[in-house]
Amino acid sequence: MKNSVLVIVVGIFMTVIGTSLFYTIQGGSQIETLFRMLKHTGTFVGLLGIGVIFAGFLLYVINRSQPEINNNFDT
């Protein structure tokens, strides 16, 4: 369960970094290629972060402890 929480935290960090890269760089027609590449990288990292959060959530759900099955129906 600790691994899934770590994956979720990394995904949140990636999403925050990607969002900050995307929104802090102003777009326009005269933007330099380096800044344009950084803005596109921010988009890519942010979307990957959302996927990593989803993967961590799925790991958390899969690795939960299952309740024991009670096979004694006489009581």
N, C-alpha and C. Protein backbone atom coordinates (compact mmCIF):
# COMPACT_ATOMS: atom_id res chain seq x y z
N MET A 1 0.83 -1.19 0.00
CA MET A 1 0.00 0.00 0.00
C MET A 1 0.88 1.26 0.00
N LYS A 2 2.08 1.15 0.58
CA LYS A 2 2.95 2.32 0.61
C LYS A 2 3.41 2.70 -0.79
N ASN A 3 3.61 1.70 -1.65
CA ASN A 3 4.04 2.00 -3.01
C ASN A 3 2.98 2.78 -3.78
N SER A 4 1.74 2.43 -3.58
CA SER A 4 0.67 3.12 -4.31
C SER A 4 0.55 4.57 -3.86
N VAL A 5 0.73 4.81 -2.57
CA VAL A 5 0.68 6.19 -2.08
C VAL A 5 1.85 6.99 -2.63
N LEU A 6 3.02 6.36 -2.72
CA LEU A 6 4.18 7.03 -3.30
C LEU A 6 3.95 7.37 -4.77
N VAL A 7 3.33 6.45 -5.51
CA VAL A 7 3.04 6.70 -6.92
C VAL A 7 2.04 7.85 -7.06
N ILE A 8 1.05 7.90 -6.19
CA ILE A 8 0.07 8.99 -6.23
C ILE A 8 0.74 10.33 -5.94
N VAL A 9 1.64 10.36 -4.96
CA VAL A 9 2.34 11.61 -4.62
C VAL A 9 3.22 12.06 -5.78
N VAL A 10 3.92 11.13 -6.43
CA VAL A 10 4.74 11.47 -7.59
C VAL A 10 3.87 12.00 -8.72
N GLY A 11 2.70 11.40 -8.93
CA GLY A 11 1.78 11.87 -9.96
C GLY A 11 1.27 13.27 -9.68
N ILE A 12 0.97 13.56 -8.42
CA ILE A 12 0.53 14.91 -8.06
C ILE A 12 1.65 15.91 -8.31
N PHE A 13 2.88 15.53 -7.94
CA PHE A 13 4.03 16.41 -8.17
C PHE A 13 4.22 16.66 -9.67
N MET A 14 4.10 15.62 -10.48
CA MET A 14 4.24 15.78 -11.93
C MET A 14 3.15 16.70 -12.49
N THR A 15 1.94 16.54 -12.01
CA THR A 15 0.83 17.38 -12.49
C THR A 15 1.05 18.84 -12.12
N VAL A 16 1.52 19.08 -10.91
CA VAL A 16 1.77 20.46 -10.47
C VAL A 16 2.90 21.08 -11.29
N ILE A 17 3.97 20.34 -11.51
CA ILE A 17 5.09 20.86 -12.30
C ILE A 17 4.64 21.13 -13.74
N GLY A 18 3.90 20.19 -14.33
CA GLY A 18 3.42 20.38 -15.70
C GLY A 18 2.48 21.55 -15.84
N THR A 19 1.59 21.71 -14.87
CA THR A 19 0.65 22.84 -14.90
C THR A 19 1.39 24.16 -14.75
N SER A 20 2.37 24.19 -13.86
CA SER A 20 3.11 25.44 -13.68
C SER A 20 3.94 25.77 -14.92
N LEU A 21 4.52 24.77 -15.57
CA LEU A 21 5.25 25.03 -16.81
C LEU A 21 4.32 25.54 -17.90
N PHE A 22 3.14 24.96 -17.98
CA PHE A 22 2.21 25.35 -19.04
C PHE A 22 1.67 26.76 -18.84
N TYR A 23 1.29 27.09 -17.61
CA TYR A 23 0.61 28.37 -17.39
C TYR A 23 1.55 29.54 -17.10
N THR A 24 2.80 29.29 -16.72
CA THR A 24 3.69 30.41 -16.44
C THR A 24 4.34 30.96 -17.70
N ILE A 25 4.43 30.16 -18.75
CA ILE A 25 5.03 30.62 -19.99
C ILE A 25 3.93 31.20 -20.87
N GLN A 26 4.06 32.47 -21.19
CA GLN A 26 3.05 33.14 -22.00
C GLN A 26 3.15 32.70 -23.45
N GLY A 27 2.03 32.38 -24.03
CA GLY A 27 2.00 31.97 -25.43
C GLY A 27 1.82 33.16 -26.34
N GLY A 28 2.19 32.98 -27.56
CA GLY A 28 2.04 34.04 -28.54
C GLY A 28 2.74 33.64 -29.83
N SER A 29 2.64 34.49 -30.82
CA SER A 29 3.25 34.16 -32.11
C SER A 29 4.75 34.40 -32.11
N GLN A 30 5.25 35.25 -31.21
CA GLN A 30 6.67 35.56 -31.21
C GLN A 30 7.42 34.86 -30.07
N ILE A 31 6.89 33.77 -29.59
CA ILE A 31 7.53 33.03 -28.51
C ILE A 31 8.74 32.28 -29.07
N GLU A 32 9.83 32.25 -28.30
CA GLU A 32 11.03 31.56 -28.75
C GLU A 32 10.81 30.06 -28.73
N THR A 33 11.61 29.36 -29.52
CA THR A 33 11.42 27.92 -29.64
C THR A 33 11.71 27.20 -28.33
N LEU A 34 12.66 27.70 -27.54
CA LEU A 34 12.96 27.06 -26.25
C LEU A 34 11.75 27.15 -25.32
N PHE A 35 11.14 28.33 -25.24
CA PHE A 35 9.97 28.48 -24.37
C PHE A 35 8.77 27.70 -24.89
N ARG A 36 8.63 27.63 -26.20
CA ARG A 36 7.55 26.84 -26.78
C ARG A 36 7.75 25.36 -26.44
N MET A 37 8.99 24.89 -26.52
CA MET A 37 9.28 23.50 -26.19
C MET A 37 9.03 23.23 -24.70
N LEU A 38 9.39 24.18 -23.84
CA LEU A 38 9.12 24.02 -22.41
C LEU A 38 7.62 23.99 -22.12
N LYS A 39 6.85 24.80 -22.85
CA LYS A 39 5.41 24.80 -22.65
C LYS A 39 4.80 23.48 -23.09
N HIS A 40 5.25 22.95 -24.22
CA HIS A 40 4.75 21.64 -24.67
C HIS A 40 5.19 20.52 -23.73
N THR A 41 6.40 20.64 -23.19
CA THR A 41 6.87 19.66 -22.21
C THR A 41 6.01 19.71 -20.95
N GLY A 42 5.60 20.90 -20.55
CA GLY A 42 4.71 21.04 -19.40
C GLY A 42 3.37 20.36 -19.63
N THR A 43 2.86 20.50 -20.84
CA THR A 43 1.61 19.81 -21.18
C THR A 43 1.78 18.31 -21.09
N PHE A 44 2.87 17.81 -21.65
CA PHE A 44 3.13 16.37 -21.66
C PHE A 44 3.31 15.83 -20.24
N VAL A 45 4.09 16.53 -19.43
CA VAL A 45 4.35 16.09 -18.05
C VAL A 45 3.06 16.15 -17.22
N GLY A 46 2.26 17.17 -17.41
CA GLY A 46 1.00 17.27 -16.67
C GLY A 46 0.04 16.15 -17.00
N LEU A 47 -0.08 15.82 -18.28
CA LEU A 47 -0.96 14.72 -18.67
C LEU A 47 -0.42 13.37 -18.19
N LEU A 48 0.89 13.20 -18.24
CA LEU A 48 1.48 11.97 -17.69
C LEU A 48 1.24 11.88 -16.19
N GLY A 49 1.30 13.01 -15.50
CA GLY A 49 1.04 13.02 -14.07
C GLY A 49 -0.36 12.57 -13.73
N ILE A 50 -1.33 12.97 -14.54
CA ILE A 50 -2.71 12.51 -14.33
C ILE A 50 -2.79 11.00 -14.50
N GLY A 51 -2.09 10.47 -15.50
CA GLY A 51 -2.06 9.02 -15.70
C GLY A 51 -1.39 8.30 -14.55
N VAL A 52 -0.33 8.88 -14.00
CA VAL A 52 0.37 8.26 -12.88
C VAL A 52 -0.51 8.27 -11.63
N ILE A 53 -1.26 9.34 -11.42
CA ILE A 53 -2.20 9.38 -10.30
C ILE A 53 -3.24 8.27 -10.45
N PHE A 54 -3.76 8.10 -11.64
CA PHE A 54 -4.76 7.06 -11.88
C PHE A 54 -4.15 5.67 -11.65
N ALA A 55 -2.91 5.46 -12.10
CA ALA A 55 -2.25 4.17 -11.89
C ALA A 55 -2.02 3.91 -10.40
N GLY A 56 -1.63 4.93 -9.66
CA GLY A 56 -1.45 4.77 -8.22
C GLY A 56 -2.75 4.45 -7.51
N PHE A 57 -3.84 5.08 -7.94
CA PHE A 57 -5.15 4.78 -7.36
C PHE A 57 -5.55 3.34 -7.65
N LEU A 58 -5.30 2.88 -8.88
CA LEU A 58 -5.62 1.48 -9.20
C LEU A 58 -4.77 0.51 -8.38
N LEU A 59 -3.49 0.82 -8.18
CA LEU A 59 -2.65 -0.02 -7.32
C LEU A 59 -3.19 -0.05 -5.89
N TYR A 60 -3.65 1.08 -5.41
CA TYR A 60 -4.21 1.14 -4.07
C TYR A 60 -5.46 0.27 -3.95
N VAL A 61 -6.32 0.35 -4.95
CA VAL A 61 -7.57 -0.42 -4.91
C VAL A 61 -7.29 -1.92 -5.04
N ILE A 62 -6.34 -2.29 -5.89
CA ILE A 62 -6.03 -3.70 -6.09
C ILE A 62 -5.39 -4.31 -4.85
N ASN A 63 -4.53 -3.57 -4.17
CA ASN A 63 -3.76 -4.12 -3.05
C ASN A 63 -4.45 -3.98 -1.70
N ARG A 64 -5.70 -3.57 -1.66
CA ARG A 64 -6.40 -3.50 -0.38
C ARG A 64 -6.58 -4.90 0.17
N SER A 65 -6.60 -5.00 1.50
CA SER A 65 -6.81 -6.31 2.11
C SER A 65 -8.29 -6.68 2.01
N GLN A 66 -8.53 -7.88 1.56
CA GLN A 66 -9.89 -8.38 1.39
C GLN A 66 -10.42 -8.89 2.72
N PRO A 67 -11.70 -8.69 3.02
CA PRO A 67 -12.26 -9.27 4.25
C PRO A 67 -12.35 -10.79 4.11
N GLU A 68 -12.21 -11.47 5.23
CA GLU A 68 -12.27 -12.93 5.20
C GLU A 68 -13.69 -13.40 4.87
N ILE A 69 -13.75 -14.49 4.12
CA ILE A 69 -15.04 -15.06 3.74
C ILE A 69 -15.49 -16.02 4.83
N ASN A 70 -16.70 -15.83 5.31
CA ASN A 70 -17.25 -16.68 6.36
C ASN A 70 -18.03 -17.81 5.71
N ASN A 71 -17.49 -19.04 5.82
CA ASN A 71 -18.14 -20.20 5.21
C ASN A 71 -19.03 -20.95 6.20
N ASN A 72 -19.12 -20.52 7.42
CA ASN A 72 -19.92 -21.19 8.43
C ASN A 72 -21.33 -20.60 8.38
N PHE A 73 -22.26 -21.33 7.78
CA PHE A 73 -23.62 -20.84 7.63
C PHE A 73 -24.57 -21.38 8.70
N ASP A 74 -24.03 -22.16 9.66
CA ASP A 74 -24.87 -22.76 10.69
C ASP A 74 -25.24 -21.77 11.78
N THR A 75 -24.49 -20.72 11.95
CA THR A 75 -24.77 -19.80 13.06
C THR A 75 -25.63 -18.65 12.63
